N, C-alpha and C. Protein backbone atom coordinates (compact mmCIF):
# COMPACT_ATOMS: atom_id res chain seq x y z
N UNK A 1 -7.94 113.53 -40.89
CA UNK A 1 -8.19 114.02 -39.55
C UNK A 1 -6.88 113.93 -38.76
N UNK A 2 -6.54 115.02 -38.09
CA UNK A 2 -5.28 115.06 -37.35
C UNK A 2 -5.39 114.26 -36.05
N UNK A 3 -4.23 113.96 -35.49
CA UNK A 3 -4.19 113.22 -34.23
C UNK A 3 -4.91 114.01 -33.13
N UNK A 4 -4.72 115.31 -33.11
CA UNK A 4 -5.37 116.14 -32.09
C UNK A 4 -6.90 116.05 -32.20
N UNK A 5 -7.41 115.99 -33.40
CA UNK A 5 -8.86 115.84 -33.59
C UNK A 5 -9.33 114.46 -33.14
N UNK A 6 -8.52 113.43 -33.40
CA UNK A 6 -8.88 112.08 -32.93
C UNK A 6 -8.87 112.01 -31.41
N UNK A 7 -7.88 112.66 -30.79
CA UNK A 7 -7.82 112.71 -29.33
C UNK A 7 -9.05 113.41 -28.78
N UNK A 8 -9.44 114.49 -29.43
CA UNK A 8 -10.62 115.25 -28.99
C UNK A 8 -11.88 114.39 -29.07
N UNK A 9 -12.03 113.62 -30.13
CA UNK A 9 -13.21 112.75 -30.28
C UNK A 9 -13.19 111.65 -29.21
N UNK A 10 -12.01 111.07 -28.96
CA UNK A 10 -11.92 110.06 -27.91
C UNK A 10 -12.28 110.68 -26.56
N UNK A 11 -11.73 111.84 -26.29
CA UNK A 11 -11.98 112.55 -25.02
C UNK A 11 -13.47 112.80 -24.84
N UNK A 12 -14.13 113.28 -25.88
CA UNK A 12 -15.56 113.56 -25.81
C UNK A 12 -16.36 112.29 -25.59
N UNK A 13 -15.99 111.22 -26.26
CA UNK A 13 -16.68 109.94 -26.10
C UNK A 13 -16.56 109.43 -24.67
N UNK A 14 -15.33 109.45 -24.14
CA UNK A 14 -15.10 108.99 -22.77
C UNK A 14 -15.86 109.88 -21.79
N UNK A 15 -15.82 111.19 -22.00
CA UNK A 15 -16.50 112.12 -21.09
C UNK A 15 -18.01 111.87 -21.09
N UNK A 16 -18.60 111.67 -22.25
CA UNK A 16 -20.05 111.41 -22.33
C UNK A 16 -20.39 110.10 -21.64
N UNK A 17 -19.60 109.06 -21.88
CA UNK A 17 -19.85 107.77 -21.22
C UNK A 17 -19.77 107.90 -19.70
N UNK A 18 -18.76 108.61 -19.21
CA UNK A 18 -18.58 108.77 -17.76
C UNK A 18 -19.74 109.56 -17.15
N UNK A 19 -20.11 110.66 -17.77
CA UNK A 19 -21.20 111.49 -17.24
C UNK A 19 -22.51 110.70 -17.25
N UNK A 20 -22.79 109.99 -18.33
CA UNK A 20 -24.01 109.20 -18.39
C UNK A 20 -24.00 108.08 -17.35
N UNK A 21 -22.85 107.44 -17.16
CA UNK A 21 -22.74 106.39 -16.14
C UNK A 21 -22.99 106.98 -14.76
N UNK A 22 -22.45 108.16 -14.51
CA UNK A 22 -22.66 108.81 -13.21
C UNK A 22 -24.13 109.15 -13.00
N UNK A 23 -24.77 109.69 -14.03
CA UNK A 23 -26.16 110.12 -13.92
C UNK A 23 -27.14 108.94 -13.83
N UNK A 24 -26.72 107.76 -14.29
CA UNK A 24 -27.60 106.59 -14.26
C UNK A 24 -27.23 105.62 -13.14
N UNK A 25 -26.59 106.12 -12.11
CA UNK A 25 -26.10 105.25 -11.03
C UNK A 25 -27.19 104.41 -10.41
N UNK A 26 -28.41 104.87 -10.40
CA UNK A 26 -29.52 104.13 -9.77
C UNK A 26 -30.38 103.39 -10.79
N UNK A 27 -29.92 103.31 -12.04
CA UNK A 27 -30.75 102.73 -13.09
C UNK A 27 -30.38 101.29 -13.41
N UNK A 28 -29.41 100.73 -12.75
CA UNK A 28 -29.09 99.32 -12.89
C UNK A 28 -28.42 98.95 -14.19
N UNK A 29 -29.14 98.25 -15.07
CA UNK A 29 -28.53 97.70 -16.28
C UNK A 29 -27.93 98.77 -17.18
N UNK A 30 -28.58 99.91 -17.30
CA UNK A 30 -28.04 100.98 -18.14
C UNK A 30 -26.70 101.45 -17.57
N UNK A 31 -26.65 101.64 -16.27
CA UNK A 31 -25.41 102.04 -15.60
C UNK A 31 -24.32 100.99 -15.82
N UNK A 32 -24.69 99.72 -15.70
CA UNK A 32 -23.72 98.64 -15.88
C UNK A 32 -23.15 98.64 -17.30
N UNK A 33 -24.02 98.76 -18.29
CA UNK A 33 -23.56 98.77 -19.68
C UNK A 33 -22.68 99.99 -19.97
N UNK A 34 -23.06 101.14 -19.44
CA UNK A 34 -22.23 102.33 -19.61
C UNK A 34 -20.86 102.14 -18.95
N UNK A 35 -20.85 101.49 -17.79
CA UNK A 35 -19.58 101.19 -17.11
C UNK A 35 -18.68 100.32 -17.96
N UNK A 36 -19.27 99.31 -18.61
CA UNK A 36 -18.47 98.48 -19.51
C UNK A 36 -18.00 99.28 -20.73
N UNK A 37 -18.81 100.24 -21.17
CA UNK A 37 -18.39 101.13 -22.26
C UNK A 37 -17.19 101.96 -21.85
N UNK A 38 -17.19 102.46 -20.61
CA UNK A 38 -16.04 103.20 -20.08
C UNK A 38 -14.81 102.30 -20.05
N UNK A 39 -14.99 101.07 -19.59
CA UNK A 39 -13.87 100.12 -19.53
C UNK A 39 -13.31 99.86 -20.92
N UNK A 40 -14.18 99.70 -21.90
CA UNK A 40 -13.75 99.47 -23.28
C UNK A 40 -12.99 100.68 -23.81
N UNK A 41 -13.48 101.88 -23.52
CA UNK A 41 -12.78 103.10 -23.96
C UNK A 41 -11.40 103.19 -23.31
N UNK A 42 -11.31 102.83 -22.03
CA UNK A 42 -10.02 102.86 -21.35
C UNK A 42 -9.06 101.83 -21.95
N UNK A 43 -9.58 100.67 -22.29
CA UNK A 43 -8.76 99.64 -22.92
C UNK A 43 -8.28 100.11 -24.29
N UNK A 44 -9.17 100.72 -25.05
CA UNK A 44 -8.80 101.28 -26.35
C UNK A 44 -7.67 102.30 -26.19
N UNK A 45 -7.79 103.16 -25.18
CA UNK A 45 -6.77 104.20 -24.95
C UNK A 45 -5.42 103.58 -24.62
N UNK A 46 -5.42 102.51 -23.83
CA UNK A 46 -4.16 101.84 -23.52
C UNK A 46 -3.54 101.20 -24.75
N UNK A 47 -4.35 100.60 -25.61
CA UNK A 47 -3.84 100.03 -26.85
C UNK A 47 -3.34 101.14 -27.77
N UNK A 48 -4.07 102.23 -27.85
CA UNK A 48 -3.71 103.36 -28.69
C UNK A 48 -2.37 103.94 -28.24
N UNK A 49 -2.11 103.90 -26.96
CA UNK A 49 -0.86 104.41 -26.40
C UNK A 49 0.34 103.64 -26.95
N UNK A 50 0.16 102.38 -27.31
CA UNK A 50 1.28 101.56 -27.77
C UNK A 50 1.80 101.96 -29.15
N UNK A 51 1.14 102.91 -29.81
CA UNK A 51 1.63 103.37 -31.11
C UNK A 51 2.94 104.11 -30.99
N UNK A 52 3.29 104.55 -29.78
CA UNK A 52 4.56 105.23 -29.57
C UNK A 52 4.52 106.73 -29.79
N UNK A 53 3.38 107.26 -30.18
CA UNK A 53 3.28 108.71 -30.38
C UNK A 53 3.35 109.41 -29.03
N UNK A 54 4.18 110.44 -28.89
CA UNK A 54 4.34 111.09 -27.59
C UNK A 54 3.05 111.74 -27.08
N UNK A 55 2.16 112.16 -27.97
CA UNK A 55 0.90 112.77 -27.55
C UNK A 55 -0.03 111.76 -26.87
N UNK A 56 0.25 110.47 -27.04
CA UNK A 56 -0.62 109.43 -26.50
C UNK A 56 0.00 108.68 -25.32
N UNK A 57 1.25 108.99 -25.01
CA UNK A 57 1.95 108.25 -23.97
C UNK A 57 1.44 108.52 -22.56
N UNK A 58 1.74 107.61 -21.67
CA UNK A 58 1.32 107.76 -20.28
C UNK A 58 2.03 108.92 -19.58
N UNK A 59 3.17 109.37 -20.11
CA UNK A 59 3.88 110.48 -19.48
C UNK A 59 3.02 111.75 -19.43
N UNK A 60 2.00 111.82 -20.24
CA UNK A 60 1.09 112.97 -20.21
C UNK A 60 0.30 113.03 -18.91
N UNK A 61 0.25 111.92 -18.18
CA UNK A 61 -0.51 111.86 -16.93
C UNK A 61 0.37 112.03 -15.70
N UNK A 62 1.68 112.01 -15.87
CA UNK A 62 2.59 112.12 -14.72
C UNK A 62 3.00 113.57 -14.53
N UNK A 63 2.67 114.16 -13.40
CA UNK A 63 3.06 115.56 -13.18
C UNK A 63 4.56 115.69 -12.95
N UNK A 64 5.12 116.73 -13.52
CA UNK A 64 6.52 117.09 -13.28
C UNK A 64 6.52 118.50 -12.71
N UNK A 65 7.16 118.67 -11.58
CA UNK A 65 7.16 119.96 -10.91
C UNK A 65 8.40 120.77 -11.22
N UNK A 66 9.20 120.30 -12.17
CA UNK A 66 10.41 121.00 -12.56
C UNK A 66 10.03 122.35 -13.18
N UNK A 67 10.65 123.40 -12.73
CA UNK A 67 10.39 124.74 -13.24
C UNK A 67 9.19 125.42 -12.62
N UNK A 68 8.56 124.77 -11.67
CA UNK A 68 7.40 125.36 -10.99
C UNK A 68 7.87 126.44 -10.01
N UNK A 69 7.37 127.64 -10.21
CA UNK A 69 7.70 128.77 -9.34
C UNK A 69 6.40 129.49 -9.00
N UNK A 70 6.47 130.34 -8.01
CA UNK A 70 5.29 131.10 -7.61
C UNK A 70 4.73 131.92 -8.77
N UNK A 71 5.62 132.49 -9.58
CA UNK A 71 5.19 133.33 -10.69
C UNK A 71 4.47 132.59 -11.80
N UNK A 72 4.73 131.30 -11.97
CA UNK A 72 4.10 130.55 -13.06
C UNK A 72 3.23 129.41 -12.56
N UNK A 73 2.92 129.41 -11.29
CA UNK A 73 2.23 128.27 -10.67
C UNK A 73 0.88 127.97 -11.31
N UNK A 74 0.09 128.97 -11.63
CA UNK A 74 -1.25 128.72 -12.14
C UNK A 74 -1.27 128.20 -13.58
N UNK A 75 -0.26 128.54 -14.36
CA UNK A 75 -0.23 128.10 -15.75
C UNK A 75 0.76 126.96 -15.98
N UNK A 76 1.44 126.50 -14.94
CA UNK A 76 2.43 125.43 -15.09
C UNK A 76 1.73 124.11 -15.42
N UNK A 77 2.32 123.29 -16.30
CA UNK A 77 1.71 122.01 -16.68
C UNK A 77 1.50 121.04 -15.51
N UNK A 78 2.18 121.25 -14.40
CA UNK A 78 2.04 120.33 -13.26
C UNK A 78 0.60 120.29 -12.76
N UNK A 79 -0.10 121.40 -12.81
CA UNK A 79 -1.49 121.42 -12.34
C UNK A 79 -2.37 120.57 -13.25
N UNK A 80 -2.27 120.80 -14.55
CA UNK A 80 -3.06 120.01 -15.50
C UNK A 80 -2.75 118.53 -15.38
N UNK A 81 -1.47 118.20 -15.29
CA UNK A 81 -1.08 116.80 -15.22
C UNK A 81 -1.50 116.16 -13.90
N UNK A 82 -1.47 116.92 -12.82
CA UNK A 82 -1.92 116.38 -11.53
C UNK A 82 -3.41 116.09 -11.59
N UNK A 83 -4.18 116.98 -12.19
CA UNK A 83 -5.62 116.74 -12.34
C UNK A 83 -5.88 115.54 -13.25
N UNK A 84 -5.13 115.42 -14.35
CA UNK A 84 -5.28 114.27 -15.24
C UNK A 84 -4.93 112.97 -14.53
N UNK A 85 -3.88 113.00 -13.72
CA UNK A 85 -3.47 111.81 -12.97
C UNK A 85 -4.58 111.42 -11.98
N UNK A 86 -5.16 112.41 -11.31
CA UNK A 86 -6.27 112.14 -10.39
C UNK A 86 -7.48 111.57 -11.11
N UNK A 87 -7.78 112.11 -12.29
CA UNK A 87 -8.89 111.60 -13.09
C UNK A 87 -8.62 110.15 -13.50
N UNK A 88 -7.40 109.89 -13.96
CA UNK A 88 -7.06 108.53 -14.40
C UNK A 88 -7.18 107.53 -13.26
N UNK A 89 -6.64 107.88 -12.09
CA UNK A 89 -6.70 106.95 -10.96
C UNK A 89 -8.12 106.73 -10.47
N UNK A 90 -8.89 107.80 -10.32
CA UNK A 90 -10.26 107.63 -9.82
C UNK A 90 -11.15 106.94 -10.87
N UNK A 91 -10.91 107.20 -12.15
CA UNK A 91 -11.67 106.51 -13.20
C UNK A 91 -11.33 105.03 -13.21
N UNK A 92 -10.06 104.70 -13.07
CA UNK A 92 -9.65 103.31 -13.02
C UNK A 92 -10.27 102.60 -11.81
N UNK A 93 -10.20 103.24 -10.65
CA UNK A 93 -10.75 102.63 -9.43
C UNK A 93 -12.27 102.47 -9.54
N UNK A 94 -12.95 103.47 -10.06
CA UNK A 94 -14.41 103.39 -10.22
C UNK A 94 -14.78 102.26 -11.18
N UNK A 95 -14.10 102.18 -12.28
CA UNK A 95 -14.40 101.17 -13.29
C UNK A 95 -14.11 99.76 -12.78
N UNK A 96 -12.96 99.58 -12.16
CA UNK A 96 -12.60 98.25 -11.67
C UNK A 96 -13.52 97.77 -10.55
N UNK A 97 -13.90 98.68 -9.66
CA UNK A 97 -14.83 98.27 -8.58
C UNK A 97 -16.20 97.96 -9.16
N UNK A 98 -16.62 98.70 -10.18
CA UNK A 98 -17.91 98.41 -10.82
C UNK A 98 -17.91 97.05 -11.50
N UNK A 99 -16.84 96.74 -12.20
CA UNK A 99 -16.72 95.44 -12.87
C UNK A 99 -16.67 94.32 -11.83
N UNK A 100 -15.95 94.55 -10.75
CA UNK A 100 -15.87 93.54 -9.69
C UNK A 100 -17.24 93.29 -9.06
N UNK A 101 -18.00 94.35 -8.84
CA UNK A 101 -19.34 94.18 -8.26
C UNK A 101 -20.27 93.45 -9.22
N UNK A 102 -20.15 93.73 -10.51
CA UNK A 102 -21.02 93.10 -11.51
C UNK A 102 -20.66 91.63 -11.69
N UNK A 103 -19.39 91.31 -11.61
CA UNK A 103 -18.98 89.92 -11.73
C UNK A 103 -19.30 89.27 -13.07
N UNK A 104 -19.48 90.06 -14.10
CA UNK A 104 -19.75 89.52 -15.43
C UNK A 104 -21.21 89.25 -15.73
N UNK A 105 -22.11 89.53 -14.78
CA UNK A 105 -23.54 89.26 -15.00
C UNK A 105 -24.09 90.03 -16.18
N UNK A 106 -23.73 91.30 -16.31
CA UNK A 106 -24.26 92.13 -17.39
C UNK A 106 -23.86 91.57 -18.75
N UNK A 107 -22.66 91.02 -18.82
CA UNK A 107 -22.16 90.46 -20.08
C UNK A 107 -22.58 89.01 -20.27
N UNK A 108 -23.32 88.46 -19.31
CA UNK A 108 -23.75 87.07 -19.40
C UNK A 108 -22.64 86.08 -19.11
N UNK A 109 -21.60 86.51 -18.42
CA UNK A 109 -20.47 85.65 -18.14
C UNK A 109 -20.52 84.98 -16.78
N UNK A 110 -21.46 85.39 -15.94
CA UNK A 110 -21.54 84.85 -14.57
C UNK A 110 -22.18 83.46 -14.60
N UNK A 111 -21.86 82.67 -13.62
CA UNK A 111 -22.44 81.35 -13.45
C UNK A 111 -23.95 81.48 -13.32
N UNK A 112 -24.71 80.66 -14.03
CA UNK A 112 -26.17 80.76 -14.03
C UNK A 112 -26.76 80.57 -12.64
N UNK A 113 -26.11 79.78 -11.80
CA UNK A 113 -26.65 79.58 -10.46
C UNK A 113 -26.52 80.83 -9.61
N UNK A 114 -25.56 81.68 -9.93
CA UNK A 114 -25.40 82.94 -9.19
C UNK A 114 -26.28 84.03 -9.81
N UNK A 115 -26.38 84.06 -11.12
CA UNK A 115 -27.06 85.16 -11.80
C UNK A 115 -28.57 84.97 -11.89
N UNK A 116 -29.10 83.77 -11.63
CA UNK A 116 -30.50 83.52 -11.90
C UNK A 116 -31.46 83.57 -10.71
N UNK A 117 -31.06 83.94 -9.48
CA UNK A 117 -32.04 83.94 -8.39
C UNK A 117 -33.22 84.86 -8.70
N UNK A 118 -34.37 84.53 -8.11
CA UNK A 118 -35.59 85.31 -8.34
C UNK A 118 -35.42 86.73 -7.82
N UNK A 119 -36.10 87.65 -8.47
CA UNK A 119 -36.08 89.04 -8.02
C UNK A 119 -37.02 89.16 -6.84
N UNK A 120 -36.45 89.13 -5.65
CA UNK A 120 -37.26 89.05 -4.44
C UNK A 120 -37.57 90.39 -3.81
N UNK A 121 -36.80 91.42 -4.11
CA UNK A 121 -37.01 92.67 -3.38
C UNK A 121 -37.87 93.68 -4.11
N UNK A 122 -38.39 93.36 -5.31
CA UNK A 122 -39.37 94.19 -5.99
C UNK A 122 -38.81 95.38 -6.75
N UNK A 123 -37.49 95.61 -6.73
CA UNK A 123 -36.96 96.78 -7.44
C UNK A 123 -36.24 96.39 -8.73
N UNK A 124 -36.43 95.16 -9.19
CA UNK A 124 -35.80 94.74 -10.43
C UNK A 124 -34.42 94.17 -10.23
N UNK A 125 -33.94 94.15 -9.01
CA UNK A 125 -32.62 93.58 -8.70
C UNK A 125 -32.83 92.48 -7.67
N UNK A 126 -32.00 91.47 -7.75
CA UNK A 126 -32.14 90.43 -6.74
C UNK A 126 -31.45 90.87 -5.46
N UNK A 127 -31.74 90.17 -4.37
CA UNK A 127 -31.21 90.57 -3.07
C UNK A 127 -29.70 90.56 -3.04
N UNK A 128 -29.08 89.64 -3.75
CA UNK A 128 -27.61 89.59 -3.78
C UNK A 128 -27.02 90.86 -4.36
N UNK A 129 -27.66 91.40 -5.40
CA UNK A 129 -27.16 92.65 -5.99
C UNK A 129 -27.30 93.80 -5.02
N UNK A 130 -28.44 93.90 -4.34
CA UNK A 130 -28.65 94.97 -3.38
C UNK A 130 -27.60 94.93 -2.28
N UNK A 131 -27.36 93.74 -1.74
CA UNK A 131 -26.37 93.59 -0.67
C UNK A 131 -24.97 93.96 -1.16
N UNK A 132 -24.65 93.55 -2.38
CA UNK A 132 -23.32 93.81 -2.92
C UNK A 132 -23.09 95.31 -3.10
N UNK A 133 -24.11 96.04 -3.55
CA UNK A 133 -23.95 97.47 -3.78
C UNK A 133 -23.83 98.25 -2.48
N UNK A 134 -24.33 97.69 -1.40
CA UNK A 134 -24.25 98.40 -0.13
C UNK A 134 -23.04 97.97 0.70
N UNK A 135 -22.25 97.04 0.22
CA UNK A 135 -21.07 96.57 0.92
C UNK A 135 -19.89 97.51 0.74
N UNK A 136 -18.74 97.10 1.25
CA UNK A 136 -17.53 97.95 1.16
C UNK A 136 -17.11 98.26 -0.28
N UNK A 137 -17.24 97.28 -1.16
CA UNK A 137 -16.87 97.53 -2.56
C UNK A 137 -17.82 98.55 -3.20
N UNK A 138 -19.10 98.45 -2.88
CA UNK A 138 -20.07 99.42 -3.38
C UNK A 138 -19.80 100.82 -2.86
N UNK A 139 -19.44 100.91 -1.60
CA UNK A 139 -19.10 102.21 -1.01
C UNK A 139 -17.86 102.80 -1.68
N UNK A 140 -16.86 101.96 -1.91
CA UNK A 140 -15.64 102.42 -2.59
C UNK A 140 -15.96 102.88 -4.00
N UNK A 141 -16.79 102.12 -4.70
CA UNK A 141 -17.20 102.47 -6.06
C UNK A 141 -17.90 103.83 -6.09
N UNK A 142 -18.83 104.03 -5.18
CA UNK A 142 -19.56 105.30 -5.12
C UNK A 142 -18.64 106.46 -4.73
N UNK A 143 -17.78 106.24 -3.76
CA UNK A 143 -16.84 107.29 -3.33
C UNK A 143 -15.89 107.68 -4.46
N UNK A 144 -15.35 106.69 -5.15
CA UNK A 144 -14.43 106.98 -6.25
C UNK A 144 -15.15 107.67 -7.41
N UNK A 145 -16.40 107.29 -7.65
CA UNK A 145 -17.19 107.96 -8.70
C UNK A 145 -17.44 109.42 -8.36
N UNK A 146 -17.76 109.70 -7.10
CA UNK A 146 -17.96 111.09 -6.67
C UNK A 146 -16.66 111.88 -6.73
N UNK A 147 -15.55 111.24 -6.33
CA UNK A 147 -14.24 111.89 -6.42
C UNK A 147 -13.89 112.19 -7.87
N UNK A 148 -14.18 111.25 -8.75
CA UNK A 148 -13.93 111.44 -10.18
C UNK A 148 -14.65 112.68 -10.69
N UNK A 149 -15.92 112.81 -10.37
CA UNK A 149 -16.68 113.96 -10.86
C UNK A 149 -16.11 115.26 -10.29
N UNK A 150 -15.72 115.26 -9.02
CA UNK A 150 -15.12 116.44 -8.42
C UNK A 150 -13.84 116.84 -9.15
N UNK A 151 -12.98 115.87 -9.42
CA UNK A 151 -11.72 116.19 -10.11
C UNK A 151 -11.98 116.63 -11.54
N UNK A 152 -12.96 116.05 -12.20
CA UNK A 152 -13.31 116.47 -13.56
C UNK A 152 -13.78 117.93 -13.56
N UNK A 153 -14.60 118.30 -12.59
CA UNK A 153 -15.06 119.69 -12.49
C UNK A 153 -13.87 120.63 -12.27
N UNK A 154 -12.94 120.24 -11.41
CA UNK A 154 -11.72 121.04 -11.20
C UNK A 154 -10.91 121.13 -12.49
N UNK A 155 -10.78 120.04 -13.21
CA UNK A 155 -10.04 119.98 -14.48
C UNK A 155 -10.64 120.94 -15.51
N UNK A 156 -11.95 120.84 -15.70
CA UNK A 156 -12.62 121.70 -16.68
C UNK A 156 -12.52 123.16 -16.25
N UNK A 157 -12.74 123.44 -14.98
CA UNK A 157 -12.65 124.83 -14.48
C UNK A 157 -11.25 125.39 -14.67
N UNK A 158 -10.24 124.60 -14.33
CA UNK A 158 -8.85 125.05 -14.49
C UNK A 158 -8.55 125.38 -15.95
N UNK A 159 -8.95 124.47 -16.85
CA UNK A 159 -8.67 124.71 -18.26
C UNK A 159 -9.42 125.93 -18.80
N UNK A 160 -10.65 126.11 -18.38
CA UNK A 160 -11.40 127.28 -18.83
C UNK A 160 -10.79 128.58 -18.29
N UNK A 161 -10.26 128.55 -17.09
CA UNK A 161 -9.67 129.74 -16.49
C UNK A 161 -8.27 130.06 -17.01
N UNK A 162 -7.45 129.03 -17.20
CA UNK A 162 -6.03 129.27 -17.47
C UNK A 162 -5.54 128.75 -18.82
N UNK A 163 -6.32 127.94 -19.49
CA UNK A 163 -5.91 127.40 -20.79
C UNK A 163 -7.13 127.39 -21.72
N UNK A 164 -7.75 128.54 -21.80
CA UNK A 164 -9.02 128.68 -22.50
C UNK A 164 -9.00 128.18 -23.95
N UNK A 165 -8.00 128.50 -24.78
CA UNK A 165 -8.04 128.00 -26.17
C UNK A 165 -8.09 126.47 -26.24
N UNK A 166 -7.32 125.81 -25.40
CA UNK A 166 -7.34 124.35 -25.39
C UNK A 166 -8.70 123.84 -24.91
N UNK A 167 -9.22 124.44 -23.85
CA UNK A 167 -10.53 124.03 -23.32
C UNK A 167 -11.61 124.19 -24.38
N UNK A 168 -11.64 125.31 -25.06
CA UNK A 168 -12.66 125.55 -26.07
C UNK A 168 -12.52 124.60 -27.25
N UNK A 169 -11.29 124.27 -27.61
CA UNK A 169 -11.07 123.29 -28.68
C UNK A 169 -11.60 121.92 -28.25
N UNK A 170 -11.26 121.48 -27.04
CA UNK A 170 -11.69 120.16 -26.57
C UNK A 170 -13.21 120.09 -26.40
N UNK A 171 -13.85 121.23 -26.18
CA UNK A 171 -15.31 121.28 -26.03
C UNK A 171 -16.01 121.55 -27.37
N UNK A 172 -15.26 121.47 -28.47
CA UNK A 172 -15.78 121.66 -29.83
C UNK A 172 -16.34 123.06 -30.04
N UNK A 173 -15.83 124.05 -29.31
CA UNK A 173 -16.28 125.42 -29.46
C UNK A 173 -15.36 126.20 -30.39
N UNK A 174 -14.08 125.84 -30.41
CA UNK A 174 -13.11 126.56 -31.24
C UNK A 174 -12.31 125.57 -32.06
N UNK A 175 -11.70 126.06 -33.12
CA UNK A 175 -10.84 125.23 -33.96
C UNK A 175 -9.45 125.18 -33.35
N UNK A 176 -8.67 124.20 -33.75
CA UNK A 176 -7.28 124.10 -33.29
C UNK A 176 -6.54 125.37 -33.68
N UNK A 177 -5.62 125.79 -32.84
CA UNK A 177 -4.81 126.99 -33.03
C UNK A 177 -5.62 128.26 -32.95
N UNK A 178 -6.82 128.22 -32.38
CA UNK A 178 -7.63 129.42 -32.22
C UNK A 178 -6.91 130.38 -31.29
N UNK A 179 -6.82 131.61 -31.71
CA UNK A 179 -6.19 132.62 -30.87
C UNK A 179 -4.68 132.67 -30.98
N UNK A 180 -4.08 131.76 -31.74
CA UNK A 180 -2.63 131.75 -31.92
C UNK A 180 -2.29 132.42 -33.23
N UNK A 181 -1.18 133.15 -33.28
CA UNK A 181 -0.80 133.78 -34.53
C UNK A 181 -0.40 132.71 -35.56
N UNK A 182 -0.66 133.00 -36.81
CA UNK A 182 -0.32 132.07 -37.89
C UNK A 182 1.19 132.00 -38.05
N UNK A 183 1.70 130.80 -38.36
CA UNK A 183 3.13 130.60 -38.58
C UNK A 183 3.46 130.99 -40.00
N UNK A 184 4.68 131.52 -40.16
CA UNK A 184 5.11 131.91 -41.51
C UNK A 184 6.19 130.99 -42.00
């Protein structure tokens, strides 16, 4: 399996985890576990980056505006990289705020005196969890999650409009090098 195929599988895994986490925002434990899955995938990606392969380096997320002109603005790599950078930042912020709000309870790492209060509000969550989700950290988590989805939609739309072969490959619709002439 080529590196590009491995990247595509990682991308699909991360995308599915993120979408499921977003869709289960009100489901509690499922959302929490999916959030930890996203964190694990991000950690894996950072470790994978240390292999030194240029296709995996962080420079892929930094936009460079060199060579950007009006004539090539829509197809210039700066747009893709700016969207990727926005996705990376909002995903990191969403994940870190979610982990901070959970405080290790989902993983069983929280102090028993904090994690064990009776479920007093009738919705399966204790009052401390409800208050925490409605506080400033919860608002930041929700805002960053919504921003993440917005940037992802822009990313997918941009790729489908201006880099269709790559988009179709990443969506498992086309094979690598689809639409490109064969090399001799």
